[in-house]
Amino acid sequence: MRQKYRICQSQKKNTLNIKEFAVLDKDTKNVDSSMLREDHFDLICDQDYDGKTIARAVAAGCDELVETLRTPNLYPIAPYAEKIAESVIDLTQGDEDRCVELFFDDNELFVSEISIHR
């Protein structure tokens, strides 16, 4: 599966928002990831977090932040959750509203896991 996460921090509202998108259309199976367009992605989760809760989790460390970010609706696998947490930590270092997008392709993860175990 190919997924994209849009992570936005709003200093004004003191919130963090994570939107999870995925490519669900089977017609795009053979489309190279670099050729995917915005309309190929479907929104599958939209999760808001309180800024104070995120700040406490960031202060407690990456593992605590991953636990805070995971919800019944948003539960990325460990490698993705760690990258998302790293991005959230980076976003919280600034004092302006910012967004970042992360793209993941399970096929690339699978290939890297195979090469690690050889």
C-alpha atoms as a PDB file:
ATOM      1  CA  MET A   1       0.000   0.000   0.000  1.00  0.00           C
ATOM      2  CA  ARG A   2       1.161   3.522  -0.710  1.00  0.00           C
ATOM      3  CA  GLN A   3       0.297   6.033   1.963  1.00  0.00           C
ATOM      4  CA  LYS A   4       0.821   9.698   2.597  1.00  0.00           C
ATOM      5  CA  TYR A   5       0.584  11.505   5.919  1.00  0.00           C
ATOM      6  CA  ARG A   6       0.036  15.257   6.099  1.00  0.00           C
ATOM      7  CA  ILE A   7       1.072  16.545   9.506  1.00  0.00           C
ATOM      8  CA  CYS A   8       0.128  20.134  10.355  1.00  0.00           C
ATOM      9  CA  GLN A   9       0.876  22.091  13.482  1.00  0.00           C
ATOM     10  CA  SER A  10      -1.190  25.149  14.298  1.00  0.00           C
ATOM     11  CA  GLN A  11       0.407  27.392  16.898  1.00  0.00           C
ATOM     12  CA  LYS A  12      -2.616  29.701  16.817  1.00  0.00           C
ATOM     13  CA  LYS A  13      -5.062  26.904  17.684  1.00  0.00           C
ATOM     14  CA  ASN A  14      -2.500  24.949  19.736  1.00  0.00           C
ATOM     15  CA  THR A  15      -3.321  21.759  17.816  1.00  0.00           C
ATOM     16  CA  LEU A  16      -1.677  19.114  15.704  1.00  0.00           C
ATOM     17  CA  ASN A  17      -3.538  17.450  12.848  1.00  0.00           C
ATOM     18  CA  ILE A  18      -2.559  14.298  10.994  1.00  0.00           C
ATOM     19  CA  LYS A  19      -4.334  13.233   7.837  1.00  0.00           C
ATOM     20  CA  GLU A  20      -3.676   9.772   6.455  1.00  0.00           C
ATOM     21  CA  PHE A  21      -4.192   9.177   2.741  1.00  0.00           C
ATOM     22  CA  ALA A  22      -3.818   5.959   0.784  1.00  0.00           C
ATOM     23  CA  VAL A  23      -3.854   4.885  -2.835  1.00  0.00           C
ATOM     24  CA  LEU A  24      -6.842   2.555  -2.973  1.00  0.00           C
ATOM     25  CA  ASP A  25      -7.589   2.420  -6.703  1.00  0.00           C
ATOM     26  CA  LYS A  26      -6.381  -0.847  -8.225  1.00  0.00           C
ATOM     27  CA  ASP A  27      -5.924   0.911 -11.579  1.00  0.00           C
ATOM     28  CA  THR A  28      -2.894   2.704 -10.103  1.00  0.00           C
ATOM     29  CA  LYS A  29      -1.173  -0.524  -9.059  1.00  0.00           C
ATOM     30  CA  ASN A  30       1.349  -0.288 -11.900  1.00  0.00           C
ATOM     31  CA  VAL A  31       1.783   3.485 -11.691  1.00  0.00           C
ATOM     32  CA  ASP A  32       5.229   4.433 -10.423  1.00  0.00           C
ATOM     33  CA  SER A  33       5.056   6.218  -7.067  1.00  0.00           C
ATOM     34  CA  SER A  34       6.732   9.302  -8.518  1.00  0.00           C
ATOM     35  CA  MET A  35       3.879   9.589 -11.035  1.00  0.00           C
ATOM     36  CA  LEU A  36       1.046   9.549  -8.509  1.00  0.00           C
ATOM     37  CA  ARG A  37      -1.133  12.650  -8.447  1.00  0.00           C
ATOM     38  CA  GLU A  38      -2.986  14.190  -5.532  1.00  0.00           C
ATOM     39  CA  ASP A  39      -6.278  12.761  -6.824  1.00  0.00           C
ATOM     40  CA  HIS A  40      -4.894   9.204  -6.588  1.00  0.00           C
ATOM     41  CA  PHE A  41      -4.941   9.472  -2.786  1.00  0.00           C
ATOM     42  CA  ASP A  42      -8.073   8.941  -0.702  1.00  0.00           C
ATOM     43  CA  LEU A  43      -8.412  10.392   2.791  1.00  0.00           C
ATOM     44  CA  ILE A  44      -8.771   7.502   5.241  1.00  0.00           C
ATOM     45  CA  CYS A  45      -8.179   9.225   8.591  1.00  0.00           C
ATOM     46  CA  ASP A  46      -8.227  12.770   9.964  1.00  0.00           C
ATOM     47  CA  GLN A  47      -6.975  13.007  13.554  1.00  0.00           C
ATOM     48  CA  ASP A  48      -6.647  16.112  15.766  1.00  0.00           C
ATOM     49  CA  TYR A  49      -4.482  16.347  18.878  1.00  0.00           C
ATOM     50  CA  ASP A  50      -4.279  18.902  21.665  1.00  0.00           C
ATOM     51  CA  GLY A  51      -1.020  20.854  21.485  1.00  0.00           C
ATOM     52  CA  LYS A  52      -0.332  20.534  25.221  1.00  0.00           C
ATOM     53  CA  THR A  53      -0.731  16.754  25.062  1.00  0.00           C
ATOM     54  CA  ILE A  54       1.705  16.586  22.139  1.00  0.00           C
ATOM     55  CA  ALA A  55       4.205  18.862  23.916  1.00  0.00           C
ATOM     56  CA  ARG A  56       4.173  16.584  26.991  1.00  0.00           C
ATOM     57  CA  ALA A  57       4.662  13.500  24.825  1.00  0.00           C
ATOM     58  CA  VAL A  58       7.530  15.125  22.905  1.00  0.00           C
ATOM     59  CA  ALA A  59       9.215  15.994  26.205  1.00  0.00           C
ATOM     60  CA  ALA A  60       8.841  12.368  27.360  1.00  0.00           C
ATOM     61  CA  GLY A  61      10.558  10.988  24.246  1.00  0.00           C
ATOM     62  CA  CYS A  62       9.870   9.357  20.912  1.00  0.00           C
ATOM     63  CA  ASP A  63       8.294   6.177  22.312  1.00  0.00           C
ATOM     64  CA  GLU A  64       5.789   8.164  24.379  1.00  0.00           C
ATOM     65  CA  LEU A  65       5.011  10.365  21.381  1.00  0.00           C
ATOM     66  CA  VAL A  66       4.326   7.309  19.200  1.00  0.00           C
ATOM     67  CA  GLU A  67       1.911   6.002  21.860  1.00  0.00           C
ATOM     68  CA  THR A  68       0.180   9.381  21.990  1.00  0.00           C
ATOM     69  CA  LEU A  69      -0.133   9.639  18.215  1.00  0.00           C
ATOM     70  CA  ARG A  70      -1.579   6.163  17.809  1.00  0.00           C
ATOM     71  CA  THR A  71      -5.349   6.005  18.140  1.00  0.00           C
ATOM     72  CA  PRO A  72      -7.979   3.394  17.235  1.00  0.00           C
ATOM     73  CA  ASN A  73      -8.338   5.205  13.887  1.00  0.00           C
ATOM     74  CA  LEU A  74      -4.697   6.074  13.234  1.00  0.00           C
ATOM     75  CA  TYR A  75      -2.309   3.225  13.983  1.00  0.00           C
ATOM     76  CA  PRO A  76       0.653   3.226  11.596  1.00  0.00           C
ATOM     77  CA  ILE A  77       3.169   0.379  11.679  1.00  0.00           C
ATOM     78  CA  ALA A  78       6.308   0.949  13.764  1.00  0.00           C
ATOM     79  CA  PRO A  79       8.678   2.229  11.028  1.00  0.00           C
ATOM     80  CA  TYR A  80       6.060   4.720   9.835  1.00  0.00           C
ATOM     81  CA  ALA A  81       5.062   5.743  13.358  1.00  0.00           C
ATOM     82  CA  GLU A  82       8.700   6.517  14.186  1.00  0.00           C
ATOM     83  CA  LYS A  83       9.109   8.711  11.090  1.00  0.00           C
ATOM     84  CA  ILE A  84       5.846  10.485  11.863  1.00  0.00           C
ATOM     85  CA  ALA A  85       6.993  11.083  15.457  1.00  0.00           C
ATOM     86  CA  GLU A  86      10.333  12.469  14.225  1.00  0.00           C
ATOM     87  CA  SER A  87       8.448  14.877  11.963  1.00  0.00           C
ATOM     88  CA  VAL A  88       6.176  15.954  14.806  1.00  0.00           C
ATOM     89  CA  ILE A  89       9.212  16.633  17.000  1.00  0.00           C
ATOM     90  CA  ASP A  90      10.698  18.743  14.209  1.00  0.00           C
ATOM     91  CA  LEU A  91       7.453  20.667  13.767  1.00  0.00           C
ATOM     92  CA  THR A  92       7.235  21.448  17.483  1.00  0.00           C
ATOM     93  CA  GLN A  93      10.688  23.064  17.400  1.00  0.00           C
ATOM     94  CA  GLY A  94       9.314  26.006  15.420  1.00  0.00           C
ATOM     95  CA  ASP A  95       6.950  28.733  16.516  1.00  0.00           C
ATOM     96  CA  GLU A  96       4.970  29.124  13.298  1.00  0.00           C
ATOM     97  CA  ASP A  97       2.204  27.113  11.655  1.00  0.00           C
ATOM     98  CA  ARG A  98       3.800  24.450   9.473  1.00  0.00           C
ATOM     99  CA  CYS A  99       2.913  21.279   7.597  1.00  0.00           C
ATOM    100  CA  VAL A 100       4.946  18.356   6.337  1.00  0.00           C
ATOM    101  CA  GLU A 101       4.033  15.405   4.130  1.00  0.00           C
ATOM    102  CA  LEU A 102       5.507  11.934   4.414  1.00  0.00           C
ATOM    103  CA  PHE A 103       5.134   9.281   1.737  1.00  0.00           C
ATOM    104  CA  PHE A 104       5.464   5.549   2.393  1.00  0.00           C
ATOM    105  CA  ASP A 105       5.384   2.612   0.010  1.00  0.00           C
ATOM    106  CA  ASP A 106       5.033  -0.824   1.615  1.00  0.00           C
ATOM    107  CA  ASN A 107       6.885  -2.375  -1.333  1.00  0.00           C
ATOM    108  CA  GLU A 108       9.971  -0.325  -0.475  1.00  0.00           C
ATOM    109  CA  LEU A 109       9.708  -1.348   3.172  1.00  0.00           C
ATOM    110  CA  PHE A 110       9.437  -4.986   2.164  1.00  0.00           C
ATOM    111  CA  VAL A 111      12.510  -4.761  -0.049  1.00  0.00           C
ATOM    112  CA  SER A 112      14.564  -3.099   2.679  1.00  0.00           C
ATOM    113  CA  GLU A 113      13.495  -5.715   5.214  1.00  0.00           C
ATOM    114  CA  ILE A 114      14.585  -8.510   2.886  1.00  0.00           C
ATOM    115  CA  SER A 115      18.011  -6.966   2.386  1.00  0.00           C
ATOM    116  CA  ILE A 116      18.483  -6.488   6.136  1.00  0.00           C
ATOM    117  CA  HIS A 117      17.847 -10.152   6.918  1.00  0.00           C
ATOM    118  CA  ARG A 118      20.288 -11.595   4.371  1.00  0.00           C
END
